[in-house]
Amino acid sequence: MSHDPSPSYPHRPPPPPYRPPWPPRPPHRPSPPPPAPHRTALGHHSDLRVLRTAYRWQRRTATLTALGYFTLFLFLSAYAPGVMTDTSLAGGLPTGLLLALLQLPVTWLAIALYEHTARRHVDPLADRIRKEAALDARQGAGR
């Protein structure tokens, strides 16, 4: 039945809103995620922290060697052109050209420094952690 507000019908109040006969559903709540399985961390946290620190120092040393020299070259080119055009240092060769030619050996030095610090500090730590992880995996598989 519909509600007809025309004057030919006596006044009746509008019908109440439709309500289903069953109770309303509670709002959907997502279920909590299942707990993560307890696993032991790979190696000791202090070992990984030491490895991370060694690797960070390795990157900084090599990067500052190469970028530091290049920044010095740019600074001298911009703010000390008299020094860069001086020819008394290398027998007629301008200092700027000499410093530019030294850029390649300085880059090689940065690469050699990176390799040296990797072999001396980072690689032994990584090898030790790798061996401990393999030993932990073998002990875990034997259980």
C-alpha atoms as a PDB file:
ATOM      1  CA  MET A   1       0.000   0.000   0.000  1.00  0.00           C
ATOM      2  CA  SER A   2       1.237   3.418  -0.805  1.00  0.00           C
ATOM      3  CA  HIS A   3       0.590   6.663   0.952  1.00  0.00           C
ATOM      4  CA  ASP A   4      -1.591   9.078  -0.989  1.00  0.00           C
ATOM      5  CA  PRO A   5      -1.493  12.669   0.368  1.00  0.00           C
ATOM      6  CA  SER A   6      -4.311  13.888  -1.890  1.00  0.00           C
ATOM      7  CA  PRO A   7      -7.339  15.639  -0.204  1.00  0.00           C
ATOM      8  CA  SER A   8      -9.804  12.991  -1.386  1.00  0.00           C
ATOM      9  CA  TYR A   9      -8.560  10.555   1.227  1.00  0.00           C
ATOM     10  CA  PRO A  10      -8.834  11.197   4.939  1.00  0.00           C
ATOM     11  CA  HIS A  11      -5.587  12.086   6.622  1.00  0.00           C
ATOM     12  CA  ARG A  12      -3.532   9.079   7.540  1.00  0.00           C
ATOM     13  CA  PRO A  13      -0.039   9.203   8.966  1.00  0.00           C
ATOM     14  CA  PRO A  14       2.707   7.920   6.713  1.00  0.00           C
ATOM     15  CA  PRO A  15       3.625   4.290   7.186  1.00  0.00           C
ATOM     16  CA  PRO A  16       6.527   3.525   9.555  1.00  0.00           C
ATOM     17  CA  PRO A  17       9.870   2.756   7.963  1.00  0.00           C
ATOM     18  CA  TYR A  18      10.434  -0.846   7.006  1.00  0.00           C
ATOM     19  CA  ARG A  19      12.174  -2.963   9.630  1.00  0.00           C
ATOM     20  CA  PRO A  20      13.112  -6.553   8.979  1.00  0.00           C
ATOM     21  CA  PRO A  21      11.743  -9.142  11.397  1.00  0.00           C
ATOM     22  CA  TRP A  22      15.205 -10.382  12.395  1.00  0.00           C
ATOM     23  CA  PRO A  23      17.647  -8.484  14.633  1.00  0.00           C
ATOM     24  CA  PRO A  24      20.315  -6.384  12.893  1.00  0.00           C
ATOM     25  CA  ARG A  25      23.796  -7.865  12.427  1.00  0.00           C
ATOM     26  CA  PRO A  26      26.587  -6.507  14.578  1.00  0.00           C
ATOM     27  CA  PRO A  27      29.180  -4.471  12.668  1.00  0.00           C
ATOM     28  CA  HIS A  28      31.935  -6.523  11.061  1.00  0.00           C
ATOM     29  CA  ARG A  29      35.125  -6.552  13.097  1.00  0.00           C
ATOM     30  CA  PRO A  30      38.261  -7.891  11.436  1.00  0.00           C
ATOM     31  CA  SER A  31      39.768 -10.824  13.223  1.00  0.00           C
ATOM     32  CA  PRO A  32      43.194 -10.229  14.730  1.00  0.00           C
ATOM     33  CA  PRO A  33      46.095 -11.551  12.667  1.00  0.00           C
ATOM     34  CA  PRO A  34      47.476 -14.899  13.774  1.00  0.00           C
ATOM     35  CA  PRO A  35      50.566 -14.630  15.945  1.00  0.00           C
ATOM     36  CA  ALA A  36      53.825 -14.877  14.053  1.00  0.00           C
ATOM     37  CA  PRO A  37      55.804 -18.037  14.676  1.00  0.00           C
ATOM     38  CA  HIS A  38      58.652 -17.487  17.083  1.00  0.00           C
ATOM     39  CA  ARG A  39      61.952 -17.659  15.269  1.00  0.00           C
ATOM     40  CA  THR A  40      65.408 -16.891  16.499  1.00  0.00           C
ATOM     41  CA  ALA A  41      67.136 -14.092  14.674  1.00  0.00           C
ATOM     42  CA  LEU A  42      69.947 -14.870  12.280  1.00  0.00           C
ATOM     43  CA  GLY A  43      73.127 -14.471  14.290  1.00  0.00           C
ATOM     44  CA  HIS A  44      73.307 -12.295  17.340  1.00  0.00           C
ATOM     45  CA  HIS A  45      72.019  -8.762  17.111  1.00  0.00           C
ATOM     46  CA  SER A  46      75.384  -7.422  18.192  1.00  0.00           C
ATOM     47  CA  ASP A  47      77.099  -9.318  15.338  1.00  0.00           C
ATOM     48  CA  LEU A  48      74.775  -7.778  12.788  1.00  0.00           C
ATOM     49  CA  ARG A  49      75.219  -4.353  14.347  1.00  0.00           C
ATOM     50  CA  VAL A  50      79.015  -4.668  14.123  1.00  0.00           C
ATOM     51  CA  LEU A  51      78.745  -5.809  10.490  1.00  0.00           C
ATOM     52  CA  ARG A  52      76.439  -2.918   9.639  1.00  0.00           C
ATOM     53  CA  THR A  53      78.817  -0.439  11.293  1.00  0.00           C
ATOM     54  CA  ALA A  54      81.852  -1.834   9.457  1.00  0.00           C
ATOM     55  CA  TYR A  55      80.051  -1.662   6.137  1.00  0.00           C
ATOM     56  CA  ARG A  56      78.908   1.889   6.846  1.00  0.00           C
ATOM     57  CA  TRP A  57      82.488   3.005   7.595  1.00  0.00           C
ATOM     58  CA  GLN A  58      83.688   1.257   4.442  1.00  0.00           C
ATOM     59  CA  ARG A  59      81.201   3.164   2.287  1.00  0.00           C
ATOM     60  CA  ARG A  60      81.917   6.493   3.967  1.00  0.00           C
ATOM     61  CA  THR A  61      85.680   6.150   3.632  1.00  0.00           C
ATOM     62  CA  ALA A  62      85.606   5.322  -0.069  1.00  0.00           C
ATOM     63  CA  THR A  63      82.929   7.898  -0.874  1.00  0.00           C
ATOM     64  CA  LEU A  64      84.617  10.724   1.009  1.00  0.00           C
ATOM     65  CA  THR A  65      87.929   9.921  -0.667  1.00  0.00           C
ATOM     66  CA  ALA A  66      86.555  10.271  -4.190  1.00  0.00           C
ATOM     67  CA  LEU A  67      83.972  12.999  -3.580  1.00  0.00           C
ATOM     68  CA  GLY A  68      86.233  14.972  -1.267  1.00  0.00           C
ATOM     69  CA  TYR A  69      88.912  15.277  -3.924  1.00  0.00           C
ATOM     70  CA  PHE A  70      86.390  16.197  -6.615  1.00  0.00           C
ATOM     71  CA  THR A  71      84.779  18.796  -4.327  1.00  0.00           C
ATOM     72  CA  LEU A  72      88.211  20.291  -3.615  1.00  0.00           C
ATOM     73  CA  PHE A  73      88.840  20.500  -7.365  1.00  0.00           C
ATOM     74  CA  LEU A  74      85.485  22.249  -7.956  1.00  0.00           C
ATOM     75  CA  PHE A  75      86.030  24.629  -5.028  1.00  0.00           C
ATOM     76  CA  LEU A  76      89.462  25.644  -6.317  1.00  0.00           C
ATOM     77  CA  SER A  77      88.083  26.068  -9.844  1.00  0.00           C
ATOM     78  CA  ALA A  78      85.309  28.367  -8.653  1.00  0.00           C
ATOM     79  CA  TYR A  79      86.992  30.376  -5.903  1.00  0.00           C
ATOM     80  CA  ALA A  80      90.724  30.253  -6.664  1.00  0.00           C
ATOM     81  CA  PRO A  81      91.201  30.561 -10.421  1.00  0.00           C
ATOM     82  CA  GLY A  82      94.645  32.065  -9.881  1.00  0.00           C
ATOM     83  CA  VAL A  83      95.800  28.849  -8.215  1.00  0.00           C
ATOM     84  CA  MET A  84      94.330  26.716 -10.992  1.00  0.00           C
ATOM     85  CA  THR A  85      96.064  28.708 -13.762  1.00  0.00           C
ATOM     86  CA  ASP A  86      99.453  28.868 -12.037  1.00  0.00           C
ATOM     87  CA  THR A  87     102.111  27.175 -14.181  1.00  0.00           C
ATOM     88  CA  SER A  88     105.080  27.351 -11.818  1.00  0.00           C
ATOM     89  CA  LEU A  89     104.277  24.072 -10.032  1.00  0.00           C
ATOM     90  CA  ALA A  90     104.655  21.421 -12.740  1.00  0.00           C
ATOM     91  CA  GLY A  91     107.013  22.894 -15.349  1.00  0.00           C
ATOM     92  CA  GLY A  92     104.532  24.803 -17.479  1.00  0.00           C
ATOM     93  CA  LEU A  93     101.516  22.573 -16.822  1.00  0.00           C
ATOM     94  CA  PRO A  94      98.647  24.496 -15.203  1.00  0.00           C
ATOM     95  CA  THR A  95      97.744  23.333 -11.692  1.00  0.00           C
ATOM     96  CA  GLY A  96      94.099  22.870 -12.709  1.00  0.00           C
ATOM     97  CA  LEU A  97      95.050  20.453 -15.484  1.00  0.00           C
ATOM     98  CA  LEU A  98      97.375  18.587 -13.143  1.00  0.00           C
ATOM     99  CA  LEU A  99      94.613  18.226 -10.542  1.00  0.00           C
ATOM    100  CA  ALA A 100      92.182  17.092 -13.251  1.00  0.00           C
ATOM    101  CA  LEU A 101      94.632  14.428 -14.416  1.00  0.00           C
ATOM    102  CA  LEU A 102      95.017  13.252 -10.823  1.00  0.00           C
ATOM    103  CA  GLN A 103      91.260  12.632 -10.587  1.00  0.00           C
ATOM    104  CA  LEU A 104      91.563   9.183 -12.197  1.00  0.00           C
ATOM    105  CA  PRO A 105      94.281   7.909  -9.822  1.00  0.00           C
ATOM    106  CA  VAL A 106      92.304   9.271  -6.852  1.00  0.00           C
ATOM    107  CA  THR A 107      89.248   7.325  -8.062  1.00  0.00           C
ATOM    108  CA  TRP A 108      91.402   4.184  -8.336  1.00  0.00           C
ATOM    109  CA  LEU A 109      92.646   4.875  -4.820  1.00  0.00           C
ATOM    110  CA  ALA A 110      89.050   5.082  -3.569  1.00  0.00           C
ATOM    111  CA  ILE A 111      88.247   1.741  -5.220  1.00  0.00           C
ATOM    112  CA  ALA A 112      91.380   0.154  -3.742  1.00  0.00           C
ATOM    113  CA  LEU A 113      90.509   1.563  -0.312  1.00  0.00           C
ATOM    114  CA  TYR A 114      86.992   0.144  -0.629  1.00  0.00           C
ATOM    115  CA  GLU A 115      88.376  -3.300  -1.516  1.00  0.00           C
ATOM    116  CA  HIS A 116      90.944  -3.159   1.283  1.00  0.00           C
ATOM    117  CA  THR A 117      88.427  -2.275   3.975  1.00  0.00           C
ATOM    118  CA  ALA A 118      86.039  -4.918   2.622  1.00  0.00           C
ATOM    119  CA  ARG A 119      88.654  -7.664   2.816  1.00  0.00           C
ATOM    120  CA  ARG A 120      90.021  -6.567   6.159  1.00  0.00           C
ATOM    121  CA  HIS A 121      86.893  -5.603   8.137  1.00  0.00           C
ATOM    122  CA  VAL A 122      83.598  -6.436   6.453  1.00  0.00           C
ATOM    123  CA  ASP A 123      84.206  -9.823   4.794  1.00  0.00           C
ATOM    124  CA  PRO A 124      85.502 -11.617   7.931  1.00  0.00           C
ATOM    125  CA  LEU A 125      82.453 -10.466   9.898  1.00  0.00           C
ATOM    126  CA  ALA A 126      80.091 -11.548   7.118  1.00  0.00           C
ATOM    127  CA  ASP A 127      81.827 -14.931   6.825  1.00  0.00           C
ATOM    128  CA  ARG A 128      81.556 -15.514  10.573  1.00  0.00           C
ATOM    129  CA  ILE A 129      77.850 -14.673  10.611  1.00  0.00           C
ATOM    130  CA  ARG A 130      77.295 -16.880   7.537  1.00  0.00           C
ATOM    131  CA  LYS A 131      79.049 -19.830   9.237  1.00  0.00           C
ATOM    132  CA  GLU A 132      77.021 -19.341  12.427  1.00  0.00           C
ATOM    133  CA  ALA A 133      73.826 -19.259  10.377  1.00  0.00           C
ATOM    134  CA  ALA A 134      74.766 -22.496   8.596  1.00  0.00           C
ATOM    135  CA  LEU A 135      75.565 -24.139  11.926  1.00  0.00           C
ATOM    136  CA  ASP A 136      72.247 -22.949  13.385  1.00  0.00           C
ATOM    137  CA  ALA A 137      70.420 -24.302  10.327  1.00  0.00           C
ATOM    138  CA  ARG A 138      72.105 -27.714  10.681  1.00  0.00           C
ATOM    139  CA  GLN A 139      71.256 -27.850  14.383  1.00  0.00           C
ATOM    140  CA  GLY A 140      67.662 -26.828  13.651  1.00  0.00           C
ATOM    141  CA  ALA A 141      67.309 -29.532  10.960  1.00  0.00           C
ATOM    142  CA  GLY A 142      68.643 -32.196  13.346  1.00  0.00           C
ATOM    143  CA  ARG A 143      65.858 -31.623  15.887  1.00  0.00           C
END
